[in-house]
Amino acid sequence: MADMRGMPEYKAAWYGRELVVIDRWYPSSELCSACGHRADEMPLFVRDWTCTHCGVAHDRDINAAKNILAAGLADSNACGADVRPHGSPPGRGGRR
């Protein structure tokens, strides 16, 4: 598992960024990204679901990605600063 985290840690350090790691058991696919309600039960074969609390329909993976992003931003105290790597011109997305 250390190898899996090695490249993101290296790249974050290279670009002067912080790598935020969330708990591996964080229920990202079971939480409604719209209202925060947690689904009672969700077997892995369920790929699409609708929140019983607010009625928003979710693709399981996209919903999980939204929840992981929100958790990472909450942990990093993000303030909306420029996220391009140092020295990258605007419009290139930081790719070199």
C-alpha atoms as a PDB file:
ATOM      1  CA  MET A   1       0.000   0.000   0.000  1.00  0.00           C
ATOM      2  CA  ALA A   2       2.924   2.336   0.610  1.00  0.00           C
ATOM      3  CA  ASP A   3       3.833   2.125  -3.092  1.00  0.00           C
ATOM      4  CA  MET A   4       0.300   3.150  -4.002  1.00  0.00           C
ATOM      5  CA  ARG A   5       0.672   6.366  -2.017  1.00  0.00           C
ATOM      6  CA  GLY A   6       4.281   7.001  -3.022  1.00  0.00           C
ATOM      7  CA  MET A   7       3.712   8.683  -6.398  1.00  0.00           C
ATOM      8  CA  PRO A   8       0.960  11.061  -5.216  1.00  0.00           C
ATOM      9  CA  GLU A   9       3.118  12.006  -2.202  1.00  0.00           C
ATOM     10  CA  TYR A  10       6.095  12.611  -4.480  1.00  0.00           C
ATOM     11  CA  LYS A  11       4.074  14.714  -6.945  1.00  0.00           C
ATOM     12  CA  ALA A  12       2.423  16.722  -4.169  1.00  0.00           C
ATOM     13  CA  ALA A  13       5.819  17.521  -2.652  1.00  0.00           C
ATOM     14  CA  TRP A  14       7.257  18.333  -6.098  1.00  0.00           C
ATOM     15  CA  TYR A  15       4.545  20.919  -6.741  1.00  0.00           C
ATOM     16  CA  GLY A  16       4.449  22.225  -3.174  1.00  0.00           C
ATOM     17  CA  ARG A  17       1.001  20.825  -2.492  1.00  0.00           C
ATOM     18  CA  GLU A  18      -0.552  18.949   0.379  1.00  0.00           C
ATOM     19  CA  LEU A  19      -1.738  15.368  -0.075  1.00  0.00           C
ATOM     20  CA  VAL A  20      -4.855  14.738   1.982  1.00  0.00           C
ATOM     21  CA  VAL A  21      -5.544  11.090   2.811  1.00  0.00           C
ATOM     22  CA  ILE A  22      -8.994  10.066   3.967  1.00  0.00           C
ATOM     23  CA  ASP A  23      -9.842   6.982   6.024  1.00  0.00           C
ATOM     24  CA  ARG A  24     -10.024   3.887   3.824  1.00  0.00           C
ATOM     25  CA  TRP A  25     -13.351   2.968   5.451  1.00  0.00           C
ATOM     26  CA  TYR A  26     -14.952   6.374   4.784  1.00  0.00           C
ATOM     27  CA  PRO A  27     -18.422   5.498   3.364  1.00  0.00           C
ATOM     28  CA  SER A  28     -18.010   7.694   0.272  1.00  0.00           C
ATOM     29  CA  SER A  29     -20.382   5.749  -1.968  1.00  0.00           C
ATOM     30  CA  GLU A  30     -23.077   5.394   0.706  1.00  0.00           C
ATOM     31  CA  LEU A  31     -23.374   9.089   1.579  1.00  0.00           C
ATOM     32  CA  CYS A  32     -25.635  11.336  -0.476  1.00  0.00           C
ATOM     33  CA  SER A  33     -23.388  14.093  -1.808  1.00  0.00           C
ATOM     34  CA  ALA A  34     -26.407  16.424  -1.905  1.00  0.00           C
ATOM     35  CA  CYS A  35     -27.738  16.132   1.656  1.00  0.00           C
ATOM     36  CA  GLY A  36     -25.294  13.902   3.562  1.00  0.00           C
ATOM     37  CA  HIS A  37     -27.826  11.168   4.349  1.00  0.00           C
ATOM     38  CA  ARG A  38     -26.254   7.698   4.616  1.00  0.00           C
ATOM     39  CA  ALA A  39     -27.918   4.810   2.798  1.00  0.00           C
ATOM     40  CA  ASP A  40     -28.868   1.963   5.113  1.00  0.00           C
ATOM     41  CA  GLU A  41     -27.453  -0.842   2.997  1.00  0.00           C
ATOM     42  CA  MET A  42     -25.724  -0.830  -0.367  1.00  0.00           C
ATOM     43  CA  PRO A  43     -24.268  -4.033  -1.821  1.00  0.00           C
ATOM     44  CA  LEU A  44     -21.482  -3.607  -4.376  1.00  0.00           C
ATOM     45  CA  PHE A  45     -23.710  -4.606  -7.303  1.00  0.00           C
ATOM     46  CA  VAL A  46     -25.810  -1.440  -6.771  1.00  0.00           C
ATOM     47  CA  ARG A  47     -24.350   1.059  -9.263  1.00  0.00           C
ATOM     48  CA  ASP A  48     -27.118   3.688  -9.276  1.00  0.00           C
ATOM     49  CA  TRP A  49     -29.239   4.726  -6.319  1.00  0.00           C
ATOM     50  CA  THR A  50     -31.651   7.419  -5.207  1.00  0.00           C
ATOM     51  CA  CYS A  51     -31.377   9.058  -1.803  1.00  0.00           C
ATOM     52  CA  THR A  52     -34.408   8.189   0.322  1.00  0.00           C
ATOM     53  CA  HIS A  53     -34.027  11.469   2.205  1.00  0.00           C
ATOM     54  CA  CYS A  54     -33.798  14.095  -0.549  1.00  0.00           C
ATOM     55  CA  GLY A  55     -34.621  12.133  -3.732  1.00  0.00           C
ATOM     56  CA  VAL A  56     -31.412  12.921  -5.645  1.00  0.00           C
ATOM     57  CA  ALA A  57     -30.340  10.158  -8.054  1.00  0.00           C
ATOM     58  CA  HIS A  58     -26.672   9.113  -7.949  1.00  0.00           C
ATOM     59  CA  ASP A  59     -24.189   7.108  -9.964  1.00  0.00           C
ATOM     60  CA  ARG A  60     -22.326   5.303  -7.188  1.00  0.00           C
ATOM     61  CA  ASP A  61     -18.807   6.155  -8.437  1.00  0.00           C
ATOM     62  CA  ILE A  62     -19.491   9.800  -9.268  1.00  0.00           C
ATOM     63  CA  ASN A  63     -21.207  10.287  -5.919  1.00  0.00           C
ATOM     64  CA  ALA A  64     -18.215   8.708  -4.144  1.00  0.00           C
ATOM     65  CA  ALA A  65     -15.816  11.007  -6.019  1.00  0.00           C
ATOM     66  CA  LYS A  66     -17.813  14.072  -4.941  1.00  0.00           C
ATOM     67  CA  ASN A  67     -17.756  12.915  -1.315  1.00  0.00           C
ATOM     68  CA  ILE A  68     -14.017  12.188  -1.400  1.00  0.00           C
ATOM     69  CA  LEU A  69     -13.331  15.620  -2.879  1.00  0.00           C
ATOM     70  CA  ALA A  70     -15.459  17.295  -0.206  1.00  0.00           C
ATOM     71  CA  ALA A  71     -13.706  15.336   2.559  1.00  0.00           C
ATOM     72  CA  GLY A  72     -10.282  16.256   1.183  1.00  0.00           C
ATOM     73  CA  LEU A  73     -11.166  19.925   0.861  1.00  0.00           C
ATOM     74  CA  ALA A  74     -12.578  19.978   4.397  1.00  0.00           C
ATOM     75  CA  ASP A  75      -9.383  18.414   5.788  1.00  0.00           C
ATOM     76  CA  SER A  76      -7.015  20.658   3.871  1.00  0.00           C
ATOM     77  CA  ASN A  77      -8.643  23.954   4.875  1.00  0.00           C
ATOM     78  CA  ALA A  78      -8.810  24.897   1.198  1.00  0.00           C
ATOM     79  CA  CYS A  79      -9.254  28.602   0.648  1.00  0.00           C
ATOM     80  CA  GLY A  80      -9.660  28.752  -3.131  1.00  0.00           C
ATOM     81  CA  ALA A  81      -6.078  29.733  -3.858  1.00  0.00           C
ATOM     82  CA  ASP A  82      -4.468  29.130  -7.239  1.00  0.00           C
ATOM     83  CA  VAL A  83      -3.935  25.386  -7.618  1.00  0.00           C
ATOM     84  CA  ARG A  84      -1.638  25.422 -10.659  1.00  0.00           C
ATOM     85  CA  PRO A  85       1.895  24.134 -10.046  1.00  0.00           C
ATOM     86  CA  HIS A  86       4.419  26.920  -9.528  1.00  0.00           C
ATOM     87  CA  GLY A  87       5.585  28.313 -12.840  1.00  0.00           C
ATOM     88  CA  SER A  88       2.800  26.787 -14.937  1.00  0.00           C
ATOM     89  CA  PRO A  89       1.180  29.206 -17.321  1.00  0.00           C
ATOM     90  CA  PRO A  90      -2.616  29.580 -17.147  1.00  0.00           C
ATOM     91  CA  GLY A  91      -4.585  27.349 -19.471  1.00  0.00           C
ATOM     92  CA  ARG A  92      -2.288  24.333 -19.420  1.00  0.00           C
ATOM     93  CA  GLY A  93      -3.772  22.738 -16.312  1.00  0.00           C
ATOM     94  CA  GLY A  94      -0.341  22.334 -14.754  1.00  0.00           C
ATOM     95  CA  ARG A  95       0.727  19.567 -17.133  1.00  0.00           C
ATOM     96  CA  ARG A  96       4.256  19.517 -18.422  1.00  0.00           C
END
